[in-house]
Each structure stands twice: as structure tokens, then as C-alpha cells.
């Protein structure tokens, strides 16, 4: 199937190509996902290590069981990332 990853704000196409799934496509292009629109994506169990996710829209995404070691996000994305990882902070 053919997939695209677009910029969060402008909708400009960052990456376009073919893969067996969107998860596989994102993993292939993981090194620079800055400012990408990944909202609502099912990326459970993805290998996104060393990814630059800073400024990306991760809302409503599922990144549970994903490998995000050495990945980058902006400080303002902490809550969005915790939600995408299905992590609940309890007091």
C-alpha cells in the first residue's frame, strides 16, 4: 500500500512510499519525524529508537510497547506522549 507522512501544520508531504502497513512505513522513516502529523496512528510495538518526534502531533496515537529509546520530543509534548504510550500518572 502507498502511504504518506505529512507535516503537522502545513500538510506538506514529508515522506511518501509503499509498505505493508503504516507502522512499517513510519519505522522506515523514523529518523526525522519532526513536526509530523501522526495523530490517531496505531503504532503499537513500533521501533522508533533514535527518532526525532519533536513537534509531532501524537494525540490519539497508540505507541504502547514501542521502543522510543534515545528519541527526542519537545517539553510541551510530554502529556501527549504519556497518553500515546498508555501511561497513567497516579498520585
PDB file of N, CA and C in Angstrom:
ATOM      1  N   UNK A   1       0.834  -1.181   0.000  1.00  0.00           N
ATOM      2  CA  UNK A   1       0.000   0.000   0.000  1.00  0.00           C
ATOM      3  C   UNK A   1       0.880   1.246   0.000  1.00  0.00           C
ATOM      4  N   UNK A   2       0.329   2.326  -0.483  1.00  0.00           N
ATOM      5  CA  UNK A   2       1.043   3.597  -0.543  1.00  0.00           C
ATOM      6  C   UNK A   2       0.659   4.450   0.670  1.00  0.00           C
ATOM      7  N   UNK A   3       1.662   5.059   1.296  1.00  0.00           N
ATOM      8  CA  UNK A   3       1.443   5.870   2.490  1.00  0.00           C
ATOM      9  C   UNK A   3       2.161   7.202   2.368  1.00  0.00           C
ATOM     10  N   UNK A   4       1.703   8.155   3.195  1.00  0.00           N
ATOM     11  CA  UNK A   4       2.332   9.473   3.274  1.00  0.00           C
ATOM     12  C   UNK A   4       2.439   9.873   4.738  1.00  0.00           C
ATOM     13  N   UNK A   5       3.494  10.587   5.054  1.00  0.00           N
ATOM     14  CA  UNK A   5       3.613  11.272   6.331  1.00  0.00           C
ATOM     15  C   UNK A   5       3.663  12.745   5.986  1.00  0.00           C
ATOM     16  N   UNK A   6       2.735  13.499   6.584  1.00  0.00           N
ATOM     17  CA  UNK A   6       2.643  14.929   6.287  1.00  0.00           C
ATOM     18  C   UNK A   6       3.077  15.760   7.482  1.00  0.00           C
ATOM     19  N   UNK A   7       3.430  17.014   7.197  1.00  0.00           N
ATOM     20  CA  UNK A   7       3.764  17.959   8.257  1.00  0.00           C
ATOM     21  C   UNK A   7       2.507  18.311   9.031  1.00  0.00           C
ATOM     22  N   UNK A   8       2.684  18.492  10.311  1.00  0.00           N
ATOM     23  CA  UNK A   8       1.585  18.769  11.231  1.00  0.00           C
ATOM     24  C   UNK A   8       0.847  20.061  10.881  1.00  0.00           C
ATOM     25  N   UNK A   9       1.539  21.105  10.625  1.00  0.00           N
ATOM     26  CA  UNK A   9       0.932  22.421  10.430  1.00  0.00           C
ATOM     27  C   UNK A   9       0.507  22.668   8.983  1.00  0.00           C
ATOM     28  N   UNK A  10       1.392  22.421   8.046  1.00  0.00           N
ATOM     29  CA  UNK A  10       1.134  22.804   6.654  1.00  0.00           C
ATOM     30  C   UNK A  10       0.491  21.712   5.809  1.00  0.00           C
ATOM     31  N   UNK A  11       0.580  20.457   6.266  1.00  0.00           N
ATOM     32  CA  UNK A  11       0.053  19.361   5.452  1.00  0.00           C
ATOM     33  C   UNK A  11       0.974  18.969   4.309  1.00  0.00           C
ATOM     34  N   UNK A  12       2.126  19.613   4.230  1.00  0.00           N
ATOM     35  CA  UNK A  12       3.115  19.296   3.190  1.00  0.00           C
ATOM     36  C   UNK A  12       3.593  17.851   3.370  1.00  0.00           C
ATOM     37  N   UNK A  13       3.748  17.121   2.280  1.00  0.00           N
ATOM     38  CA  UNK A  13       4.189  15.733   2.337  1.00  0.00           C
ATOM     39  C   UNK A  13       5.677  15.678   2.675  1.00  0.00           C
ATOM     40  N   UNK A  14       6.007  14.960   3.758  1.00  0.00           N
ATOM     41  CA  UNK A  14       7.397  14.769   4.172  1.00  0.00           C
ATOM     42  C   UNK A  14       7.973  13.513   3.534  1.00  0.00           C
ATOM     43  N   UNK A  15       7.209  12.432   3.602  1.00  0.00           N
ATOM     44  CA  UNK A  15       7.625  11.136   3.068  1.00  0.00           C
ATOM     45  C   UNK A  15       6.452  10.502   2.349  1.00  0.00           C
ATOM     46  N   UNK A  16       6.741   9.818   1.266  1.00  0.00           N
ATOM     47  CA  UNK A  16       5.722   9.107   0.509  1.00  0.00           C
ATOM     48  C   UNK A  16       6.352   7.825  -0.017  1.00  0.00           C
ATOM     49  N   UNK A  17       5.635   6.735   0.115  1.00  0.00           N
ATOM     50  CA  UNK A  17       6.182   5.479  -0.374  1.00  0.00           C
ATOM     51  C   UNK A  17       5.268   4.311  -0.067  1.00  0.00           C
ATOM     52  N   UNK A  18       5.784   3.124  -0.289  1.00  0.00           N
ATOM     53  CA  UNK A  18       4.992   1.920  -0.100  1.00  0.00           C
ATOM     54  C   UNK A  18       5.526   1.091   1.055  1.00  0.00           C
ATOM     55  N   UNK A  19       4.610   0.399   1.714  1.00  0.00           N
ATOM     56  CA  UNK A  19       4.949  -0.508   2.807  1.00  0.00           C
ATOM     57  C   UNK A  19       3.755  -1.423   3.028  1.00  0.00           C
ATOM     58  N   UNK A  20       3.961  -2.451   3.823  1.00  0.00           N
ATOM     59  CA  UNK A  20       2.878  -3.382   4.130  1.00  0.00           C
ATOM     60  C   UNK A  20       1.879  -2.798   5.121  1.00  0.00           C
ATOM     61  N   UNK A  21       2.336  -1.824   5.937  1.00  0.00           N
ATOM     62  CA  UNK A  21       1.458  -1.177   6.916  1.00  0.00           C
ATOM     63  C   UNK A  21       1.985   0.220   7.201  1.00  0.00           C
ATOM     64  N   UNK A  22       1.141   1.068   7.799  1.00  0.00           N
ATOM     65  CA  UNK A  22       1.583   2.413   8.156  1.00  0.00           C
ATOM     66  C   UNK A  22       2.678   2.334   9.212  1.00  0.00           C
ATOM     67  N   UNK A  23       2.550   1.406  10.141  1.00  0.00           N
ATOM     68  CA  UNK A  23       3.572   1.202  11.171  1.00  0.00           C
ATOM     69  C   UNK A  23       4.932   0.935  10.520  1.00  0.00           C
ATOM     70  N   UNK A  24       4.972   0.036   9.556  1.00  0.00           N
ATOM     71  CA  UNK A  24       6.222  -0.277   8.853  1.00  0.00           C
ATOM     72  C   UNK A  24       6.763   0.958   8.133  1.00  0.00           C
ATOM     73  N   UNK A  25       5.884   1.745   7.529  1.00  0.00           N
ATOM     74  CA  UNK A  25       6.281   2.950   6.807  1.00  0.00           C
ATOM     75  C   UNK A  25       6.899   3.979   7.757  1.00  0.00           C
ATOM     76  N   UNK A  26       6.281   4.157   8.934  1.00  0.00           N
ATOM     77  CA  UNK A  26       6.811   5.101   9.913  1.00  0.00           C
ATOM     78  C   UNK A  26       8.171   4.631  10.409  1.00  0.00           C
ATOM     79  N   UNK A  27       8.309   3.341  10.670  1.00  0.00           N
ATOM     80  CA  UNK A  27       9.588   2.811  11.137  1.00  0.00           C
ATOM     81  C   UNK A  27      10.697   3.025  10.106  1.00  0.00           C
ATOM     82  N   UNK A  28      10.387   2.889   8.835  1.00  0.00           N
ATOM     83  CA  UNK A  28      11.380   3.095   7.775  1.00  0.00           C
ATOM     84  C   UNK A  28      11.867   4.540   7.729  1.00  0.00           C
ATOM     85  N   UNK A  29      10.994   5.477   8.116  1.00  0.00           N
ATOM     86  CA  UNK A  29      11.301   6.905   8.023  1.00  0.00           C
ATOM     87  C   UNK A  29      11.440   7.557   9.396  1.00  0.00           C
ATOM     88  N   UNK A  30      11.818   6.781  10.377  1.00  0.00           N
ATOM     89  CA  UNK A  30      11.792   7.225  11.768  1.00  0.00           C
ATOM     90  C   UNK A  30      12.835   8.254  12.150  1.00  0.00           C
ATOM     91  N   UNK A  31      13.906   8.383  11.425  1.00  0.00           N
ATOM     92  CA  UNK A  31      14.998   9.240  11.869  1.00  0.00           C
ATOM     93  C   UNK A  31      14.595  10.706  12.002  1.00  0.00           C
ATOM     94  N   UNK A  32      13.794  11.213  11.110  1.00  0.00           N
ATOM     95  CA  UNK A  32      13.397  12.618  11.188  1.00  0.00           C
ATOM     96  C   UNK A  32      11.893  12.747  10.972  1.00  0.00           C
ATOM     97  N   UNK A  33      11.177  12.715  12.069  1.00  0.00           N
ATOM     98  CA  UNK A  33       9.719  12.875  12.027  1.00  0.00           C
ATOM     99  C   UNK A  33       9.311  14.195  12.677  1.00  0.00           C
ATOM    100  N   UNK A  34      10.254  15.145  12.752  1.00  0.00           N
ATOM    101  CA  UNK A  34       9.966  16.445  13.369  1.00  0.00           C
ATOM    102  C   UNK A  34       8.765  17.091  12.717  1.00  0.00           C
ATOM    103  N   UNK A  35       7.830  17.506  13.551  1.00  0.00           N
ATOM    104  CA  UNK A  35       6.671  18.247  13.064  1.00  0.00           C
ATOM    105  C   UNK A  35       5.703  17.426  12.247  1.00  0.00           C
ATOM    106  N   UNK A  36       5.781  16.112  12.313  1.00  0.00           N
ATOM    107  CA  UNK A  36       4.893  15.275  11.501  1.00  0.00           C
ATOM    108  C   UNK A  36       3.522  15.119  12.151  1.00  0.00           C
ATOM    109  N   UNK A  37       2.551  14.759  11.353  1.00  0.00           N
ATOM    110  CA  UNK A  37       1.195  14.545  11.834  1.00  0.00           C
ATOM    111  C   UNK A  37       0.959  13.040  11.949  1.00  0.00           C
ATOM    112  N   UNK A  38       1.102  12.529  13.151  1.00  0.00           N
ATOM    113  CA  UNK A  38       0.904  11.107  13.412  1.00  0.00           C
ATOM    114  C   UNK A  38      -0.341  10.867  14.257  1.00  0.00           C
ATOM    115  N   UNK A  39      -1.193  11.871  14.354  1.00  0.00           N
ATOM    116  CA  UNK A  39      -2.355  11.757  15.242  1.00  0.00           C
ATOM    117  C   UNK A  39      -3.239  10.580  14.819  1.00  0.00           C
ATOM    118  N   UNK A  40      -3.703   9.868  15.835  1.00  0.00           N
ATOM    119  CA  UNK A  40      -4.605   8.750  15.618  1.00  0.00           C
ATOM    120  C   UNK A  40      -3.957   7.510  15.041  1.00  0.00           C
ATOM    121  N   UNK A  41      -2.641   7.474  14.959  1.00  0.00           N
ATOM    122  CA  UNK A  41      -1.949   6.333  14.359  1.00  0.00           C
ATOM    123  C   UNK A  41      -1.818   5.174  15.341  1.00  0.00           C
ATOM    124  N   UNK A  42      -1.993   3.970  14.841  1.00  0.00           N
ATOM    125  CA  UNK A  42      -1.769   2.774  15.639  1.00  0.00           C
ATOM    126  C   UNK A  42      -0.345   2.314  15.385  1.00  0.00           C
ATOM    127  N   UNK A  43       0.547   2.697  16.272  1.00  0.00           N
ATOM    128  CA  UNK A  43       1.966   2.379  16.127  1.00  0.00           C
ATOM    129  C   UNK A  43       2.432   1.490  17.277  1.00  0.00           C
ATOM    130  N   UNK A  44       1.518   0.681  17.828  1.00  0.00           N
ATOM    131  CA  UNK A  44       1.867  -0.209  18.936  1.00  0.00           C
ATOM    132  C   UNK A  44       3.034  -1.101  18.555  1.00  0.00           C
ATOM    133  N   UNK A  45       3.999  -1.180  19.478  1.00  0.00           N
ATOM    134  CA  UNK A  45       5.153  -2.046  19.276  1.00  0.00           C
ATOM    135  C   UNK A  45       6.142  -1.567  18.225  1.00  0.00           C
ATOM    136  N   UNK A  46       6.075  -0.317  17.858  1.00  0.00           N
ATOM    137  CA  UNK A  46       6.981   0.220  16.830  1.00  0.00           C
ATOM    138  C   UNK A  46       8.404   0.370  17.354  1.00  0.00           C
ATOM    139  N   UNK A  47       9.356   0.248  16.467  1.00  0.00           N
ATOM    140  CA  UNK A  47      10.749   0.538  16.779  1.00  0.00           C
ATOM    141  C   UNK A  47      11.036   1.955  16.289  1.00  0.00           C
ATOM    142  N   UNK A  48      10.947   2.897  17.200  1.00  0.00           N
ATOM    143  CA  UNK A  48      11.171   4.303  16.868  1.00  0.00           C
ATOM    144  C   UNK A  48      12.392   4.858  17.594  1.00  0.00           C
ATOM    145  N   UNK A  49      13.330   3.967  17.963  1.00  0.00           N
ATOM    146  CA  UNK A  49      14.511   4.462  18.662  1.00  0.00           C
ATOM    147  C   UNK A  49      15.268   5.447  17.794  1.00  0.00           C
ATOM    148  N   UNK A  50      15.844   6.415  18.484  1.00  0.00           N
ATOM    149  CA  UNK A  50      16.613   7.494  17.851  1.00  0.00           C
ATOM    150  C   UNK A  50      15.766   8.389  16.943  1.00  0.00           C
ATOM    151  N   UNK A  51      14.461   8.345  17.094  1.00  0.00           N
ATOM    152  CA  UNK A  51      13.584   9.183  16.281  1.00  0.00           C
ATOM    153  C   UNK A  51      13.550  10.608  16.821  1.00  0.00           C
ATOM    154  N   UNK A  52      13.393  11.550  15.929  1.00  0.00           N
ATOM    155  CA  UNK A  52      13.150  12.926  16.329  1.00  0.00           C
ATOM    156  C   UNK A  52      11.669  13.188  16.116  1.00  0.00           C
ATOM    157  N   UNK A  53      10.920  13.157  17.200  1.00  0.00           N
ATOM    158  CA  UNK A  53       9.469  13.362  17.173  1.00  0.00           C
ATOM    159  C   UNK A  53       9.099  14.760  17.655  1.00  0.00           C
ATOM    160  N   UNK A  54      10.088  15.640  17.789  1.00  0.00           N
ATOM    161  CA  UNK A  54       9.819  16.972  18.326  1.00  0.00           C
ATOM    162  C   UNK A  54       8.831  17.730  17.439  1.00  0.00           C
ATOM    163  N   UNK A  55       7.807  18.233  18.092  1.00  0.00           N
ATOM    164  CA  UNK A  55       6.779  18.992  17.386  1.00  0.00           C
ATOM    165  C   UNK A  55       5.761  18.148  16.639  1.00  0.00           C
ATOM    166  N   UNK A  56       5.880  16.825  16.698  1.00  0.00           N
ATOM    167  CA  UNK A  56       4.924  15.959  16.002  1.00  0.00           C
ATOM    168  C   UNK A  56       3.601  15.889  16.762  1.00  0.00           C
ATOM    169  N   UNK A  57       2.525  15.698  16.028  1.00  0.00           N
ATOM    170  CA  UNK A  57       1.212  15.536  16.645  1.00  0.00           C
ATOM    171  C   UNK A  57       1.024  14.053  16.949  1.00  0.00           C
ATOM    172  N   UNK A  58       1.038  13.704  18.219  1.00  0.00           N
ATOM    173  CA  UNK A  58       0.891  12.325  18.660  1.00  0.00           C
ATOM    174  C   UNK A  58      -0.456  12.074  19.324  1.00  0.00           C
ATOM    175  N   UNK A  59      -1.339  13.078  19.328  1.00  0.00           N
ATOM    176  CA  UNK A  59      -2.614  12.915  20.013  1.00  0.00           C
ATOM    177  C   UNK A  59      -3.424  11.780  19.400  1.00  0.00           C
ATOM    178  N   UNK A  60      -4.019  11.017  20.299  1.00  0.00           N
ATOM    179  CA  UNK A  60      -4.864   9.862  19.955  1.00  0.00           C
ATOM    180  C   UNK A  60      -4.092   8.741  19.267  1.00  0.00           C
ATOM    181  N   UNK A  61      -2.755   8.815  19.279  1.00  0.00           N
ATOM    182  CA  UNK A  61      -1.931   7.737  18.736  1.00  0.00           C
ATOM    183  C   UNK A  61      -1.752   6.671  19.810  1.00  0.00           C
ATOM    184  N   UNK A  62      -1.413   5.472  19.393  1.00  0.00           N
ATOM    185  CA  UNK A  62      -1.120   4.392  20.322  1.00  0.00           C
ATOM    186  C   UNK A  62       0.318   3.954  20.089  1.00  0.00           C
ATOM    187  N   UNK A  63       1.182   4.312  21.035  1.00  0.00           N
ATOM    188  CA  UNK A  63       2.592   3.940  20.964  1.00  0.00           C
ATOM    189  C   UNK A  63       2.943   2.919  22.045  1.00  0.00           C
ATOM    190  N   UNK A  64       1.938   2.272  22.624  1.00  0.00           N
ATOM    191  CA  UNK A  64       2.205   1.307  23.689  1.00  0.00           C
ATOM    192  C   UNK A  64       3.126   0.209  23.175  1.00  0.00           C
ATOM    193  N   UNK A  65       4.014  -0.234  24.058  1.00  0.00           N
ATOM    194  CA  UNK A  65       5.012  -1.271  23.758  1.00  0.00           C
ATOM    195  C   UNK A  65       5.996  -0.861  22.658  1.00  0.00           C
ATOM    196  N   UNK A  66       6.099   0.428  22.375  1.00  0.00           N
ATOM    197  CA  UNK A  66       7.040   0.906  21.355  1.00  0.00           C
ATOM    198  C   UNK A  66       8.410   1.175  21.970  1.00  0.00           C
ATOM    199  N   UNK A  67       9.443   1.023  21.170  1.00  0.00           N
ATOM    200  CA  UNK A  67      10.800   1.308  21.588  1.00  0.00           C
ATOM    201  C   UNK A  67      11.127   2.744  21.192  1.00  0.00           C
ATOM    202  N   UNK A  68      11.182   3.613  22.183  1.00  0.00           N
ATOM    203  CA  UNK A  68      11.456   5.029  21.948  1.00  0.00           C
ATOM    204  C   UNK A  68      12.780   5.463  22.566  1.00  0.00           C
ATOM    205  N   UNK A  69      13.656   4.508  22.831  1.00  0.00           N
ATOM    206  CA  UNK A  69      14.947   4.870  23.426  1.00  0.00           C
ATOM    207  C   UNK A  69      15.676   5.892  22.554  1.00  0.00           C
ATOM    208  N   UNK A  70      16.250   6.880  23.225  1.00  0.00           N
ATOM    209  CA  UNK A  70      17.045   7.927  22.586  1.00  0.00           C
ATOM    210  C   UNK A  70      16.257   8.760  21.579  1.00  0.00           C
ATOM    211  N   UNK A  71      14.934   8.763  21.699  1.00  0.00           N
ATOM    212  CA  UNK A  71      14.095   9.610  20.845  1.00  0.00           C
ATOM    213  C   UNK A  71      14.008  11.006  21.446  1.00  0.00           C
ATOM    214  N   UNK A  72      13.601  11.956  20.618  1.00  0.00           N
ATOM    215  CA  UNK A  72      13.502  13.344  21.058  1.00  0.00           C
ATOM    216  C   UNK A  72      12.065  13.833  20.920  1.00  0.00           C
ATOM    217  N   UNK A  73      11.621  14.577  21.945  1.00  0.00           N
ATOM    218  CA  UNK A  73      10.346  15.292  21.888  1.00  0.00           C
ATOM    219  C   UNK A  73      10.574  16.655  22.534  1.00  0.00           C
ATOM    220  N   UNK A  74       9.644  17.552  22.322  1.00  0.00           N
ATOM    221  CA  UNK A  74       9.702  18.850  22.994  1.00  0.00           C
ATOM    222  C   UNK A  74       9.064  18.713  24.377  1.00  0.00           C
ATOM    223  N   UNK A  75       9.465  19.587  25.261  1.00  0.00           N
ATOM    224  CA  UNK A  75       8.921  19.601  26.616  1.00  0.00           C
ATOM    225  C   UNK A  75       7.387  19.682  26.611  1.00  0.00           C
ATOM    226  N   UNK A  76       6.845  20.394  25.658  1.00  0.00           N
ATOM    227  CA  UNK A  76       5.391  20.582  25.582  1.00  0.00           C
ATOM    228  C   UNK A  76       4.647  19.318  25.137  1.00  0.00           C
ATOM    229  N   UNK A  77       5.365  18.292  24.702  1.00  0.00           N
ATOM    230  CA  UNK A  77       4.744  17.066  24.211  1.00  0.00           C
ATOM    231  C   UNK A  77       4.664  15.960  25.261  1.00  0.00           C
ATOM    232  N   UNK A  78       5.126  16.216  26.479  1.00  0.00           N
ATOM    233  CA  UNK A  78       5.184  15.172  27.499  1.00  0.00           C
ATOM    234  C   UNK A  78       3.834  14.499  27.730  1.00  0.00           C
ATOM    235  N   UNK A  79       2.809  15.295  27.934  1.00  0.00           N
ATOM    236  CA  UNK A  79       1.482  14.735  28.219  1.00  0.00           C
ATOM    237  C   UNK A  79       0.957  13.920  27.038  1.00  0.00           C
ATOM    238  N   UNK A  80       1.147  14.432  25.849  1.00  0.00           N
ATOM    239  CA  UNK A  80       0.712  13.738  24.631  1.00  0.00           C
ATOM    240  C   UNK A  80       1.415  12.387  24.496  1.00  0.00           C
ATOM    241  N   UNK A  81       2.709  12.369  24.797  1.00  0.00           N
ATOM    242  CA  UNK A  81       3.477  11.135  24.689  1.00  0.00           C
ATOM    243  C   UNK A  81       3.048  10.127  25.745  1.00  0.00           C
ATOM    244  N   UNK A  82       2.840  10.580  26.963  1.00  0.00           N
ATOM    245  CA  UNK A  82       2.376   9.667  28.010  1.00  0.00           C
ATOM    246  C   UNK A  82       1.036   9.037  27.623  1.00  0.00           C
ATOM    247  N   UNK A  83       0.157   9.831  27.064  1.00  0.00           N
ATOM    248  CA  UNK A  83      -1.139   9.313  26.611  1.00  0.00           C
ATOM    249  C   UNK A  83      -0.951   8.295  25.478  1.00  0.00           C
ATOM    250  N   UNK A  84      -0.087   8.604  24.531  1.00  0.00           N
ATOM    251  CA  UNK A  84       0.154   7.705  23.408  1.00  0.00           C
ATOM    252  C   UNK A  84       0.795   6.393  23.849  1.00  0.00           C
ATOM    253  N   UNK A  85       1.576   6.455  24.926  1.00  0.00           N
ATOM    254  CA  UNK A  85       2.195   5.253  25.463  1.00  0.00           C
ATOM    255  C   UNK A  85       1.267   4.497  26.402  1.00  0.00           C
ATOM    256  N   UNK A  86       0.084   5.050  26.626  1.00  0.00           N
ATOM    257  CA  UNK A  86      -0.915   4.455  27.518  1.00  0.00           C
ATOM    258  C   UNK A  86      -0.393   4.376  28.959  1.00  0.00           C
ATOM    259  N   UNK A  87       0.338   5.443  29.350  1.00  0.00           N
ATOM    260  CA  UNK A  87       0.863   5.544  30.707  1.00  0.00           C
ATOM    261  C   UNK A  87      -0.020   6.494  31.505  1.00  0.00           C
ATOM    262  N   UNK A  88      -0.472   6.018  32.646  1.00  0.00           N
ATOM    263  CA  UNK A  88      -1.322   6.832  33.515  1.00  0.00           C
ATOM    264  C   UNK A  88      -0.511   7.233  34.744  1.00  0.00           C
ATOM    265  N   UNK A  89      -0.455   8.512  35.039  1.00  0.00           N
ATOM    266  CA  UNK A  89       0.238   9.014  36.211  1.00  0.00           C
ATOM    267  C   UNK A  89      -0.767   9.043  37.360  1.00  0.00           C
ATOM    268  N   UNK A  90      -0.425   8.352  38.444  1.00  0.00           N
ATOM    269  CA  UNK A  90      -1.305   8.319  39.609  1.00  0.00           C
ATOM    270  C   UNK A  90      -0.611   9.001  40.767  1.00  0.00           C
ATOM    271  N   UNK A  91      -1.398   9.576  41.641  1.00  0.00           N
ATOM    272  CA  UNK A  91      -0.828  10.272  42.809  1.00  0.00           C
ATOM    273  C   UNK A  91      -1.157   9.533  44.068  1.00  0.00           C
TER     274      UNK A  91
END
